[in-house]
């Protein structure tokens, strides 16, 4: 080993690390903004040829349910229940897909576990 060993005590990448911290902070701020925007959005879906319509918020809450009177058959309540479940689930899928797409754009396609 050369006399005096290594000087400076090692790698000093302060400039690069600060850049990464700033980028991470910006991404975090963008994600918070995006989440707030998504929570204000609504997503709707229909089932049974449009006789049942479900609307969910970006918070994944059912906010509206519309049932055409023609879908109400006292002899076939199960069909109506199935139509409601289908419409709500599809609206939820749309909300989730939109959130995933927006998150992917924000993170540049990186999977950060969100």
PDB file of N, CA and C in Angstrom:
ATOM      1  N   UNK A   1       0.850  -1.167   0.000  1.00  0.00           N
ATOM      2  CA  UNK A   1       0.000   0.000   0.000  1.00  0.00           C
ATOM      3  C   UNK A   1       0.896   1.230   0.000  1.00  0.00           C
ATOM      4  N   UNK A   2       0.484   2.267  -0.688  1.00  0.00           N
ATOM      5  CA  UNK A   2       1.270   3.489  -0.779  1.00  0.00           C
ATOM      6  C   UNK A   2       1.284   4.191   0.567  1.00  0.00           C
ATOM      7  N   UNK A   3       2.377   4.903   0.793  1.00  0.00           N
ATOM      8  CA  UNK A   3       2.518   5.629   2.042  1.00  0.00           C
ATOM      9  C   UNK A   3       1.379   6.641   2.203  1.00  0.00           C
ATOM     10  N   UNK A   4       0.722   6.647   3.329  1.00  0.00           N
ATOM     11  CA  UNK A   4      -0.362   7.579   3.602  1.00  0.00           C
ATOM     12  C   UNK A   4      -1.743   6.998   3.314  1.00  0.00           C
ATOM     13  N   UNK A   5      -1.827   5.829   2.648  1.00  0.00           N
ATOM     14  CA  UNK A   5      -3.118   5.189   2.390  1.00  0.00           C
ATOM     15  C   UNK A   5      -3.996   6.005   1.454  1.00  0.00           C
ATOM     16  N   UNK A   6      -5.278   5.845   1.571  1.00  0.00           N
ATOM     17  CA  UNK A   6      -6.242   6.560   0.729  1.00  0.00           C
ATOM     18  C   UNK A   6      -6.549   7.908   1.350  1.00  0.00           C
ATOM     19  N   UNK A   7      -6.548   8.906   0.544  1.00  0.00           N
ATOM     20  CA  UNK A   7      -6.848  10.240   1.045  1.00  0.00           C
ATOM     21  C   UNK A   7      -8.312  10.578   0.821  1.00  0.00           C
ATOM     22  N   UNK A   8      -8.870  11.357   1.703  1.00  0.00           N
ATOM     23  CA  UNK A   8     -10.241  11.815   1.545  1.00  0.00           C
ATOM     24  C   UNK A   8     -11.267  10.865   2.133  1.00  0.00           C
ATOM     25  N   UNK A   9     -10.878   9.707   2.546  1.00  0.00           N
ATOM     26  CA  UNK A   9     -11.773   8.788   3.220  1.00  0.00           C
ATOM     27  C   UNK A   9     -12.779   8.096   2.325  1.00  0.00           C
ATOM     28  N   UNK A  10     -12.672   8.196   1.019  1.00  0.00           N
ATOM     29  CA  UNK A  10     -13.583   7.439   0.170  1.00  0.00           C
ATOM     30  C   UNK A  10     -14.315   8.293  -0.839  1.00  0.00           C
ATOM     31  N   UNK A  11     -15.370   7.702  -1.379  1.00  0.00           N
ATOM     32  CA  UNK A  11     -16.145   8.320  -2.444  1.00  0.00           C
ATOM     33  C   UNK A  11     -16.979   9.470  -1.910  1.00  0.00           C
ATOM     34  N   UNK A  12     -16.962  10.562  -2.627  1.00  0.00           N
ATOM     35  CA  UNK A  12     -17.778  11.709  -2.242  1.00  0.00           C
ATOM     36  C   UNK A  12     -18.720  12.034  -3.388  1.00  0.00           C
ATOM     37  N   UNK A  13     -19.880  11.412  -3.393  1.00  0.00           N
ATOM     38  CA  UNK A  13     -20.841  11.625  -4.477  1.00  0.00           C
ATOM     39  C   UNK A  13     -21.971  12.525  -4.050  1.00  0.00           C
ATOM     40  N   UNK A  14     -21.711  13.509  -3.242  1.00  0.00           N
ATOM     41  CA  UNK A  14     -22.746  14.382  -2.698  1.00  0.00           C
ATOM     42  C   UNK A  14     -23.627  15.016  -3.740  1.00  0.00           C
ATOM     43  N   UNK A  15     -23.049  15.499  -4.835  1.00  0.00           N
ATOM     44  CA  UNK A  15     -23.829  16.161  -5.872  1.00  0.00           C
ATOM     45  C   UNK A  15     -24.834  15.224  -6.506  1.00  0.00           C
ATOM     46  N   UNK A  16     -24.406  14.007  -6.797  1.00  0.00           N
ATOM     47  CA  UNK A  16     -25.301  13.044  -7.413  1.00  0.00           C
ATOM     48  C   UNK A  16     -26.393  12.621  -6.426  1.00  0.00           C
ATOM     49  N   UNK A  17     -26.041  12.442  -5.173  1.00  0.00           N
ATOM     50  CA  UNK A  17     -27.028  12.031  -4.179  1.00  0.00           C
ATOM     51  C   UNK A  17     -28.086  13.107  -3.972  1.00  0.00           C
ATOM     52  N   UNK A  18     -27.696  14.365  -3.962  1.00  0.00           N
ATOM     53  CA  UNK A  18     -28.661  15.446  -3.800  1.00  0.00           C
ATOM     54  C   UNK A  18     -29.630  15.487  -4.978  1.00  0.00           C
ATOM     55  N   UNK A  19     -29.107  15.216  -6.166  1.00  0.00           N
ATOM     56  CA  UNK A  19     -29.946  15.161  -7.356  1.00  0.00           C
ATOM     57  C   UNK A  19     -30.995  14.063  -7.222  1.00  0.00           C
ATOM     58  N   UNK A  20     -30.576  12.913  -6.733  1.00  0.00           N
ATOM     59  CA  UNK A  20     -31.494  11.788  -6.560  1.00  0.00           C
ATOM     60  C   UNK A  20     -32.548  12.115  -5.498  1.00  0.00           C
ATOM     61  N   UNK A  21     -32.135  12.784  -4.431  1.00  0.00           N
ATOM     62  CA  UNK A  21     -33.064  13.157  -3.371  1.00  0.00           C
ATOM     63  C   UNK A  21     -34.097  14.137  -3.918  1.00  0.00           C
ATOM     64  N   UNK A  22     -33.640  15.115  -4.706  1.00  0.00           N
ATOM     65  CA  UNK A  22     -34.562  16.091  -5.293  1.00  0.00           C
ATOM     66  C   UNK A  22     -35.549  15.406  -6.233  1.00  0.00           C
ATOM     67  N   UNK A  23     -35.053  14.458  -7.038  1.00  0.00           N
ATOM     68  CA  UNK A  23     -35.933  13.735  -7.952  1.00  0.00           C
ATOM     69  C   UNK A  23     -36.962  12.921  -7.169  1.00  0.00           C
ATOM     70  N   UNK A  24     -36.527  12.285  -6.098  1.00  0.00           N
ATOM     71  CA  UNK A  24     -37.439  11.485  -5.272  1.00  0.00           C
ATOM     72  C   UNK A  24     -38.494  12.381  -4.616  1.00  0.00           C
ATOM     73  N   UNK A  25     -38.075  13.549  -4.159  1.00  0.00           N
ATOM     74  CA  UNK A  25     -39.019  14.478  -3.534  1.00  0.00           C
ATOM     75  C   UNK A  25     -40.044  14.974  -4.552  1.00  0.00           C
ATOM     76  N   UNK A  26     -39.577  15.262  -5.770  1.00  0.00           N
ATOM     77  CA  UNK A  26     -40.497  15.701  -6.823  1.00  0.00           C
ATOM     78  C   UNK A  26     -41.471  14.593  -7.164  1.00  0.00           C
ATOM     79  N   UNK A  27     -40.976  13.362  -7.273  1.00  0.00           N
ATOM     80  CA  UNK A  27     -41.850  12.240  -7.590  1.00  0.00           C
ATOM     81  C   UNK A  27     -42.889  12.048  -6.484  1.00  0.00           C
ATOM     82  N   UNK A  28     -42.467  12.200  -5.236  1.00  0.00           N
ATOM     83  CA  UNK A  28     -43.393  12.055  -4.119  1.00  0.00           C
ATOM     84  C   UNK A  28     -44.479  13.132  -4.183  1.00  0.00           C
ATOM     85  N   UNK A  29     -44.077  14.371  -4.443  1.00  0.00           N
ATOM     86  CA  UNK A  29     -45.043  15.466  -4.549  1.00  0.00           C
ATOM     87  C   UNK A  29     -46.001  15.224  -5.715  1.00  0.00           C
ATOM     88  N   UNK A  30     -45.469  14.752  -6.844  1.00  0.00           N
ATOM     89  CA  UNK A  30     -46.307  14.455  -8.008  1.00  0.00           C
ATOM     90  C   UNK A  30     -47.292  13.327  -7.696  1.00  0.00           C
ATOM     91  N   UNK A  31     -46.837  12.334  -6.947  1.00  0.00           N
ATOM     92  CA  UNK A  31     -47.708  11.213  -6.590  1.00  0.00           C
ATOM     93  C   UNK A  31     -48.830  11.664  -5.672  1.00  0.00           C
ATOM     94  N   UNK A  32     -48.533  12.538  -4.730  1.00  0.00           N
ATOM     95  CA  UNK A  32     -49.564  13.057  -3.828  1.00  0.00           C
ATOM     96  C   UNK A  32     -50.592  13.850  -4.618  1.00  0.00           C
ATOM     97  N   UNK A  33     -50.123  14.677  -5.548  1.00  0.00           N
ATOM     98  CA  UNK A  33     -51.017  15.471  -6.384  1.00  0.00           C
ATOM     99  C   UNK A  33     -51.881  14.546  -7.247  1.00  0.00           C
ATOM    100  N   UNK A  34     -51.255  13.538  -7.855  1.00  0.00           N
ATOM    101  CA  UNK A  34     -51.979  12.610  -8.705  1.00  0.00           C
ATOM    102  C   UNK A  34     -53.043  11.858  -7.906  1.00  0.00           C
ATOM    103  N   UNK A  35     -52.696  11.438  -6.698  1.00  0.00           N
ATOM    104  CA  UNK A  35     -53.648  10.710  -5.868  1.00  0.00           C
ATOM    105  C   UNK A  35     -54.858  11.592  -5.541  1.00  0.00           C
ATOM    106  N   UNK A  36     -54.615  12.839  -5.218  1.00  0.00           N
ATOM    107  CA  UNK A  36     -55.712  13.765  -4.919  1.00  0.00           C
ATOM    108  C   UNK A  36     -56.598  13.961  -6.149  1.00  0.00           C
ATOM    109  N   UNK A  37     -55.988  14.088  -7.317  1.00  0.00           N
ATOM    110  CA  UNK A  37     -56.749  14.242  -8.552  1.00  0.00           C
ATOM    111  C   UNK A  37     -57.573  12.991  -8.845  1.00  0.00           C
ATOM    112  N   UNK A  38     -56.973  11.830  -8.643  1.00  0.00           N
ATOM    113  CA  UNK A  38     -57.671  10.563  -8.888  1.00  0.00           C
ATOM    114  C   UNK A  38     -58.866  10.405  -7.951  1.00  0.00           C
ATOM    115  N   UNK A  39     -58.723  10.835  -6.716  1.00  0.00           N
ATOM    116  CA  UNK A  39     -59.812  10.704  -5.754  1.00  0.00           C
ATOM    117  C   UNK A  39     -61.017  11.549  -6.146  1.00  0.00           C
ATOM    118  N   UNK A  40     -60.801  12.601  -6.923  1.00  0.00           N
ATOM    119  CA  UNK A  40     -61.890  13.468  -7.367  1.00  0.00           C
ATOM    120  C   UNK A  40     -62.583  12.931  -8.620  1.00  0.00           C
ATOM    121  N   UNK A  41     -61.959  11.986  -9.300  1.00  0.00           N
ATOM    122  CA  UNK A  41     -62.520  11.455 -10.539  1.00  0.00           C
ATOM    123  C   UNK A  41     -63.615  10.440 -10.239  1.00  0.00           C
ATOM    124  N   UNK A  42     -64.482  10.212 -11.235  1.00  0.00           N
ATOM    125  CA  UNK A  42     -65.494   9.168 -11.129  1.00  0.00           C
ATOM    126  C   UNK A  42     -65.368   8.231 -12.320  1.00  0.00           C
ATOM    127  N   UNK A  43     -65.792   7.001 -12.112  1.00  0.00           N
ATOM    128  CA  UNK A  43     -65.712   5.967 -13.139  1.00  0.00           C
ATOM    129  C   UNK A  43     -67.046   5.234 -13.153  1.00  0.00           C
ATOM    130  N   UNK A  44     -67.608   5.048 -14.336  1.00  0.00           N
ATOM    131  CA  UNK A  44     -68.910   4.390 -14.404  1.00  0.00           C
ATOM    132  C   UNK A  44     -68.844   3.182 -15.319  1.00  0.00           C
ATOM    133  N   UNK A  45     -69.763   2.262 -15.064  1.00  0.00           N
ATOM    134  CA  UNK A  45     -69.879   1.063 -15.886  1.00  0.00           C
ATOM    135  C   UNK A  45     -71.336   0.628 -15.870  1.00  0.00           C
ATOM    136  N   UNK A  46     -71.712  -0.062 -16.938  1.00  0.00           N
ATOM    137  CA  UNK A  46     -73.076  -0.547 -17.064  1.00  0.00           C
ATOM    138  C   UNK A  46     -73.074  -2.058 -17.223  1.00  0.00           C
ATOM    139  N   UNK A  47     -74.202  -2.654 -16.887  1.00  0.00           N
ATOM    140  CA  UNK A  47     -74.392  -4.074 -17.138  1.00  0.00           C
ATOM    141  C   UNK A  47     -75.818  -4.292 -17.603  1.00  0.00           C
ATOM    142  N   UNK A  48     -76.063  -5.475 -18.126  1.00  0.00           N
ATOM    143  CA  UNK A  48     -77.401  -5.804 -18.597  1.00  0.00           C
ATOM    144  C   UNK A  48     -77.861  -4.915 -19.731  1.00  0.00           C
ATOM    145  N   UNK A  49     -76.948  -4.531 -20.591  1.00  0.00           N
ATOM    146  CA  UNK A  49     -77.310  -3.678 -21.716  1.00  0.00           C
ATOM    147  C   UNK A  49     -77.670  -2.265 -21.295  1.00  0.00           C
ATOM    148  N   UNK A  50     -77.176  -1.858 -20.119  1.00  0.00           N
ATOM    149  CA  UNK A  50     -77.394  -0.493 -19.666  1.00  0.00           C
ATOM    150  C   UNK A  50     -78.504  -0.334 -18.649  1.00  0.00           C
ATOM    151  N   UNK A  51     -79.100  -1.454 -18.197  1.00  0.00           N
ATOM    152  CA  UNK A  51     -80.188  -1.319 -17.224  1.00  0.00           C
ATOM    153  C   UNK A  51     -79.678  -1.039 -15.816  1.00  0.00           C
ATOM    154  N   UNK A  52     -78.401  -1.336 -15.576  1.00  0.00           N
ATOM    155  CA  UNK A  52     -77.783  -1.025 -14.285  1.00  0.00           C
ATOM    156  C   UNK A  52     -76.517  -0.229 -14.556  1.00  0.00           C
ATOM    157  N   UNK A  53     -76.380   0.909 -13.898  1.00  0.00           N
ATOM    158  CA  UNK A  53     -75.190   1.745 -14.023  1.00  0.00           C
ATOM    159  C   UNK A  53     -74.636   2.006 -12.626  1.00  0.00           C
ATOM    160  N   UNK A  54     -73.337   1.768 -12.478  1.00  0.00           N
ATOM    161  CA  UNK A  54     -72.658   2.030 -11.212  1.00  0.00           C
ATOM    162  C   UNK A  54     -71.604   3.092 -11.438  1.00  0.00           C
ATOM    163  N   UNK A  55     -71.492   4.003 -10.483  1.00  0.00           N
ATOM    164  CA  UNK A  55     -70.469   5.051 -10.529  1.00  0.00           C
ATOM    165  C   UNK A  55     -69.665   4.947  -9.243  1.00  0.00           C
ATOM    166  N   UNK A  56     -68.336   4.869  -9.400  1.00  0.00           N
ATOM    167  CA  UNK A  56     -67.449   4.825  -8.237  1.00  0.00           C
ATOM    168  C   UNK A  56     -66.486   5.992  -8.301  1.00  0.00           C
ATOM    169  N   UNK A  57     -66.006   6.389  -7.132  1.00  0.00           N
ATOM    170  CA  UNK A  57     -65.031   7.481  -7.059  1.00  0.00           C
ATOM    171  C   UNK A  57     -63.628   6.907  -7.150  1.00  0.00           C
ATOM    172  N   UNK A  58     -62.669   7.804  -7.295  1.00  0.00           N
ATOM    173  CA  UNK A  58     -61.273   7.402  -7.278  1.00  0.00           C
ATOM    174  C   UNK A  58     -60.849   6.845  -5.929  1.00  0.00           C
ATOM    175  N   UNK A  59     -61.680   7.043  -4.921  1.00  0.00           N
ATOM    176  CA  UNK A  59     -61.435   6.476  -3.593  1.00  0.00           C
ATOM    177  C   UNK A  59     -61.980   5.055  -3.497  1.00  0.00           C
ATOM    178  N   UNK A  60     -62.471   4.546  -4.625  1.00  0.00           N
ATOM    179  CA  UNK A  60     -63.067   3.208  -4.699  1.00  0.00           C
ATOM    180  C   UNK A  60     -64.315   3.098  -3.835  1.00  0.00           C
ATOM    181  N   UNK A  61     -65.135   4.132  -3.868  1.00  0.00           N
ATOM    182  CA  UNK A  61     -66.403   4.119  -3.150  1.00  0.00           C
ATOM    183  C   UNK A  61     -67.533   4.208  -4.160  1.00  0.00           C
ATOM    184  N   UNK A  62     -68.555   3.395  -3.974  1.00  0.00           N
ATOM    185  CA  UNK A  62     -69.739   3.472  -4.814  1.00  0.00           C
ATOM    186  C   UNK A  62     -70.462   4.769  -4.484  1.00  0.00           C
ATOM    187  N   UNK A  63     -70.623   5.642  -5.482  1.00  0.00           N
ATOM    188  CA  UNK A  63     -71.247   6.936  -5.232  1.00  0.00           C
ATOM    189  C   UNK A  63     -72.631   7.051  -5.851  1.00  0.00           C
ATOM    190  N   UNK A  64     -72.914   6.190  -6.827  1.00  0.00           N
ATOM    191  CA  UNK A  64     -74.209   6.268  -7.489  1.00  0.00           C
ATOM    192  C   UNK A  64     -74.554   4.905  -8.078  1.00  0.00           C
ATOM    193  N   UNK A  65     -75.814   4.552  -7.997  1.00  0.00           N
ATOM    194  CA  UNK A  65     -76.307   3.313  -8.588  1.00  0.00           C
ATOM    195  C   UNK A  65     -77.653   3.604  -9.217  1.00  0.00           C
ATOM    196  N   UNK A  66     -77.756   3.356 -10.518  1.00  0.00           N
ATOM    197  CA  UNK A  66     -79.000   3.601 -11.234  1.00  0.00           C
ATOM    198  C   UNK A  66     -79.522   2.270 -11.768  1.00  0.00           C
ATOM    199  N   UNK A  67     -80.788   2.000 -11.481  1.00  0.00           N
ATOM    200  CA  UNK A  67     -81.405   0.759 -11.945  1.00  0.00           C
ATOM    201  C   UNK A  67     -82.649   1.115 -12.743  1.00  0.00           C
ATOM    202  N   UNK A  68     -82.663   0.692 -13.993  1.00  0.00           N
ATOM    203  CA  UNK A  68     -83.831   0.900 -14.836  1.00  0.00           C
ATOM    204  C   UNK A  68     -84.963   0.028 -14.283  1.00  0.00           C
ATOM    205  N   UNK A  69     -86.161   0.569 -14.170  1.00  0.00           N
ATOM    206  CA  UNK A  69     -87.282  -0.221 -13.643  1.00  0.00           C
ATOM    207  C   UNK A  69     -87.518  -1.532 -14.389  1.00  0.00           C
ATOM    208  N   UNK A  70     -87.155  -1.591 -15.650  1.00  0.00           N
ATOM    209  CA  UNK A  70     -87.360  -2.826 -16.410  1.00  0.00           C
ATOM    210  C   UNK A  70     -86.480  -3.970 -15.894  1.00  0.00           C
ATOM    211  N   UNK A  71     -85.434  -3.638 -15.124  1.00  0.00           N
ATOM    212  CA  UNK A  71     -84.545  -4.662 -14.583  1.00  0.00           C
ATOM    213  C   UNK A  71     -85.097  -5.274 -13.300  1.00  0.00           C
ATOM    214  N   UNK A  72     -86.149  -4.679 -12.760  1.00  0.00           N
ATOM    215  CA  UNK A  72     -86.701  -5.140 -11.490  1.00  0.00           C
ATOM    216  C   UNK A  72     -87.802  -6.166 -11.762  1.00  0.00           C
ATOM    217  N   UNK A  73     -87.460  -7.421 -11.508  1.00  0.00           N
ATOM    218  CA  UNK A  73     -88.405  -8.519 -11.662  1.00  0.00           C
ATOM    219  C   UNK A  73     -88.470  -9.257 -10.330  1.00  0.00           C
ATOM    220  N   UNK A  74     -89.574  -9.121  -9.606  1.00  0.00           N
ATOM    221  CA  UNK A  74     -89.673  -9.770  -8.291  1.00  0.00           C
ATOM    222  C   UNK A  74     -89.442 -11.277  -8.349  1.00  0.00           C
ATOM    223  N   UNK A  75     -89.646 -11.866  -9.517  1.00  0.00           N
ATOM    224  CA  UNK A  75     -89.441 -13.310  -9.666  1.00  0.00           C
ATOM    225  C   UNK A  75     -87.975 -13.653  -9.916  1.00  0.00           C
ATOM    226  N   UNK A  76     -87.146 -12.643 -10.206  1.00  0.00           N
ATOM    227  CA  UNK A  76     -85.735 -12.917 -10.526  1.00  0.00           C
ATOM    228  C   UNK A  76     -84.824 -11.874  -9.879  1.00  0.00           C
ATOM    229  N   UNK A  77     -84.866 -11.829  -8.577  1.00  0.00           N
ATOM    230  CA  UNK A  77     -84.033 -10.885  -7.822  1.00  0.00           C
ATOM    231  C   UNK A  77     -82.551 -11.206  -8.011  1.00  0.00           C
ATOM    232  N   UNK A  78     -82.218 -12.472  -8.148  1.00  0.00           N
ATOM    233  CA  UNK A  78     -80.815 -12.871  -8.325  1.00  0.00           C
ATOM    234  C   UNK A  78     -80.207 -12.238  -9.571  1.00  0.00           C
ATOM    235  N   UNK A  79     -80.981 -12.125 -10.636  1.00  0.00           N
ATOM    236  CA  UNK A  79     -80.465 -11.506 -11.861  1.00  0.00           C
ATOM    237  C   UNK A  79     -80.111 -10.047 -11.602  1.00  0.00           C
ATOM    238  N   UNK A  80     -80.969  -9.343 -10.910  1.00  0.00           N
ATOM    239  CA  UNK A  80     -80.703  -7.944 -10.581  1.00  0.00           C
ATOM    240  C   UNK A  80     -79.456  -7.835  -9.711  1.00  0.00           C
ATOM    241  N   UNK A  81     -79.330  -8.708  -8.736  1.00  0.00           N
ATOM    242  CA  UNK A  81     -78.141  -8.698  -7.880  1.00  0.00           C
ATOM    243  C   UNK A  81     -76.874  -8.916  -8.707  1.00  0.00           C
ATOM    244  N   UNK A  82     -76.924  -9.860  -9.633  1.00  0.00           N
ATOM    245  CA  UNK A  82     -75.769 -10.137 -10.496  1.00  0.00           C
ATOM    246  C   UNK A  82     -75.422  -8.927 -11.360  1.00  0.00           C
ATOM    247  N   UNK A  83     -76.444  -8.250 -11.874  1.00  0.00           N
ATOM    248  CA  UNK A  83     -76.203  -7.063 -12.700  1.00  0.00           C
ATOM    249  C   UNK A  83     -75.546  -5.954 -11.887  1.00  0.00           C
ATOM    250  N   UNK A  84     -75.991  -5.793 -10.655  1.00  0.00           N
ATOM    251  CA  UNK A  84     -75.410  -4.770  -9.780  1.00  0.00           C
ATOM    252  C   UNK A  84     -73.951  -5.091  -9.484  1.00  0.00           C
ATOM    253  N   UNK A  85     -73.684  -6.322  -9.109  1.00  0.00           N
ATOM    254  CA  UNK A  85     -72.306  -6.734  -8.808  1.00  0.00           C
ATOM    255  C   UNK A  85     -71.416  -6.540 -10.034  1.00  0.00           C
ATOM    256  N   UNK A  86     -71.904  -6.930 -11.197  1.00  0.00           N
ATOM    257  CA  UNK A  86     -71.107  -6.793 -12.425  1.00  0.00           C
ATOM    258  C   UNK A  86     -70.792  -5.331 -12.724  1.00  0.00           C
ATOM    259  N   UNK A  87     -71.782  -4.455 -12.598  1.00  0.00           N
ATOM    260  CA  UNK A  87     -71.561  -3.040 -12.891  1.00  0.00           C
ATOM    261  C   UNK A  87     -70.591  -2.415 -11.894  1.00  0.00           C
ATOM    262  N   UNK A  88     -70.761  -2.720 -10.611  1.00  0.00           N
ATOM    263  CA  UNK A  88     -69.871  -2.159  -9.586  1.00  0.00           C
ATOM    264  C   UNK A  88     -68.441  -2.666  -9.791  1.00  0.00           C
ATOM    265  N   UNK A  89     -68.287  -3.961 -10.029  1.00  0.00           N
ATOM    266  CA  UNK A  89     -66.945  -4.509 -10.224  1.00  0.00           C
ATOM    267  C   UNK A  89     -66.255  -3.918 -11.448  1.00  0.00           C
ATOM    268  N   UNK A  90     -66.997  -3.725 -12.525  1.00  0.00           N
ATOM    269  CA  UNK A  90     -66.403  -3.137 -13.728  1.00  0.00           C
ATOM    270  C   UNK A  90     -66.007  -1.684 -13.488  1.00  0.00           C
ATOM    271  N   UNK A  91     -66.818  -0.931 -12.778  1.00  0.00           N
ATOM    272  CA  UNK A  91     -66.463   0.456 -12.458  1.00  0.00           C
ATOM    273  C   UNK A  91     -65.212   0.492 -11.583  1.00  0.00           C
ATOM    274  N   UNK A  92     -65.097  -0.424 -10.646  1.00  0.00           N
ATOM    275  CA  UNK A  92     -63.906  -0.506  -9.791  1.00  0.00           C
ATOM    276  C   UNK A  92     -62.672  -0.849 -10.625  1.00  0.00           C
ATOM    277  N   UNK A  93     -62.825  -1.773 -11.573  1.00  0.00           N
ATOM    278  CA  UNK A  93     -61.692  -2.131 -12.448  1.00  0.00           C
ATOM    279  C   UNK A  93     -61.245  -0.923 -13.263  1.00  0.00           C
ATOM    280  N   UNK A  94     -62.202  -0.144 -13.745  1.00  0.00           N
ATOM    281  CA  UNK A  94     -61.851   1.054 -14.517  1.00  0.00           C
ATOM    282  C   UNK A  94     -61.080   2.043 -13.645  1.00  0.00           C
ATOM    283  N   UNK A  95     -61.513   2.221 -12.416  1.00  0.00           N
ATOM    284  CA  UNK A  95     -60.819   3.136 -11.506  1.00  0.00           C
ATOM    285  C   UNK A  95     -59.398   2.644 -11.250  1.00  0.00           C
ATOM    286  N   UNK A  96     -59.243   1.363 -11.006  1.00  0.00           N
ATOM    287  CA  UNK A  96     -57.924   0.798 -10.726  1.00  0.00           C
ATOM    288  C   UNK A  96     -57.012   0.885 -11.951  1.00  0.00           C
ATOM    289  N   UNK A  97     -57.567   0.601 -13.128  1.00  0.00           N
ATOM    290  CA  UNK A  97     -56.766   0.676 -14.355  1.00  0.00           C
ATOM    291  C   UNK A  97     -56.304   2.104 -14.612  1.00  0.00           C
ATOM    292  N   UNK A  98     -57.181   3.054 -14.389  1.00  0.00           N
ATOM    293  CA  UNK A  98     -56.814   4.453 -14.579  1.00  0.00           C
ATOM    294  C   UNK A  98     -55.715   4.866 -13.614  1.00  0.00           C
ATOM    295  N   UNK A  99     -55.848   4.444 -12.371  1.00  0.00           N
ATOM    296  CA  UNK A  99     -54.840   4.779 -11.372  1.00  0.00           C
ATOM    297  C   UNK A  99     -53.491   4.137 -11.731  1.00  0.00           C
ATOM    298  N   UNK A 100     -53.520   2.882 -12.158  1.00  0.00           N
ATOM    299  CA  UNK A 100     -52.281   2.197 -12.542  1.00  0.00           C
ATOM    300  C   UNK A 100     -51.625   2.863 -13.736  1.00  0.00           C
ATOM    301  N   UNK A 101     -52.438   3.252 -14.718  1.00  0.00           N
ATOM    302  CA  UNK A 101     -51.903   3.915 -15.906  1.00  0.00           C
ATOM    303  C   UNK A 101     -51.271   5.256 -15.550  1.00  0.00           C
ATOM    304  N   UNK A 102     -51.945   6.016 -14.714  1.00  0.00           N
ATOM    305  CA  UNK A 102     -51.425   7.316 -14.305  1.00  0.00           C
ATOM    306  C   UNK A 102     -50.142   7.144 -13.496  1.00  0.00           C
ATOM    307  N   UNK A 103     -50.122   6.170 -12.602  1.00  0.00           N
ATOM    308  CA  UNK A 103     -48.939   5.911 -11.788  1.00  0.00           C
ATOM    309  C   UNK A 103     -47.771   5.473 -12.666  1.00  0.00           C
ATOM    310  N   UNK A 104     -48.057   4.665 -13.670  1.00  0.00           N
ATOM    311  CA  UNK A 104     -47.015   4.202 -14.581  1.00  0.00           C
ATOM    312  C   UNK A 104     -46.390   5.370 -15.343  1.00  0.00           C
ATOM    313  N   UNK A 105     -47.234   6.308 -15.769  1.00  0.00           N
ATOM    314  CA  UNK A 105     -46.711   7.501 -16.456  1.00  0.00           C
ATOM    315  C   UNK A 105     -45.827   8.316 -15.520  1.00  0.00           C
ATOM    316  N   UNK A 106     -46.255   8.414 -14.279  1.00  0.00           N
ATOM    317  CA  UNK A 106     -45.536   9.214 -13.292  1.00  0.00           C
ATOM    318  C   UNK A 106     -44.183   8.606 -12.952  1.00  0.00           C
ATOM    319  N   UNK A 107     -44.125   7.290 -12.838  1.00  0.00           N
ATOM    320  CA  UNK A 107     -42.895   6.613 -12.430  1.00  0.00           C
ATOM    321  C   UNK A 107     -42.052   6.154 -13.612  1.00  0.00           C
ATOM    322  N   UNK A 108     -42.500   6.444 -14.814  1.00  0.00           N
ATOM    323  CA  UNK A 108     -41.748   6.041 -15.986  1.00  0.00           C
ATOM    324  C   UNK A 108     -41.774   4.525 -16.192  1.00  0.00           C
ATOM    325  N   UNK A 109     -42.807   3.884 -15.680  1.00  0.00           N
ATOM    326  CA  UNK A 109     -42.942   2.445 -15.860  1.00  0.00           C
ATOM    327  C   UNK A 109     -42.290   1.618 -14.766  1.00  0.00           C
ATOM    328  N   UNK A 110     -41.617   2.273 -13.821  1.00  0.00           N
ATOM    329  CA  UNK A 110     -40.998   1.526 -12.742  1.00  0.00           C
ATOM    330  C   UNK A 110     -42.071   1.006 -11.796  1.00  0.00           C
ATOM    331  N   UNK A 111     -41.924  -0.241 -11.372  1.00  0.00           N
ATOM    332  CA  UNK A 111     -42.862  -0.797 -10.403  1.00  0.00           C
ATOM    333  C   UNK A 111     -42.333  -0.504  -9.016  1.00  0.00           C
ATOM    334  N   UNK A 112     -42.930   0.476  -8.347  1.00  0.00           N
ATOM    335  CA  UNK A 112     -42.474   0.877  -7.029  1.00  0.00           C
ATOM    336  C   UNK A 112     -43.360   0.292  -5.927  1.00  0.00           C
ATOM    337  N   UNK A 113     -44.211  -0.658  -6.285  1.00  0.00           N
ATOM    338  CA  UNK A 113     -45.048  -1.306  -5.298  1.00  0.00           C
ATOM    339  C   UNK A 113     -46.296  -0.548  -4.917  1.00  0.00           C
ATOM    340  N   UNK A 114     -46.750   0.391  -5.741  1.00  0.00           N
ATOM    341  CA  UNK A 114     -47.957   1.163  -5.435  1.00  0.00           C
ATOM    342  C   UNK A 114     -49.143   0.525  -6.090  1.00  0.00           C
TER     343      UNK A 114
END
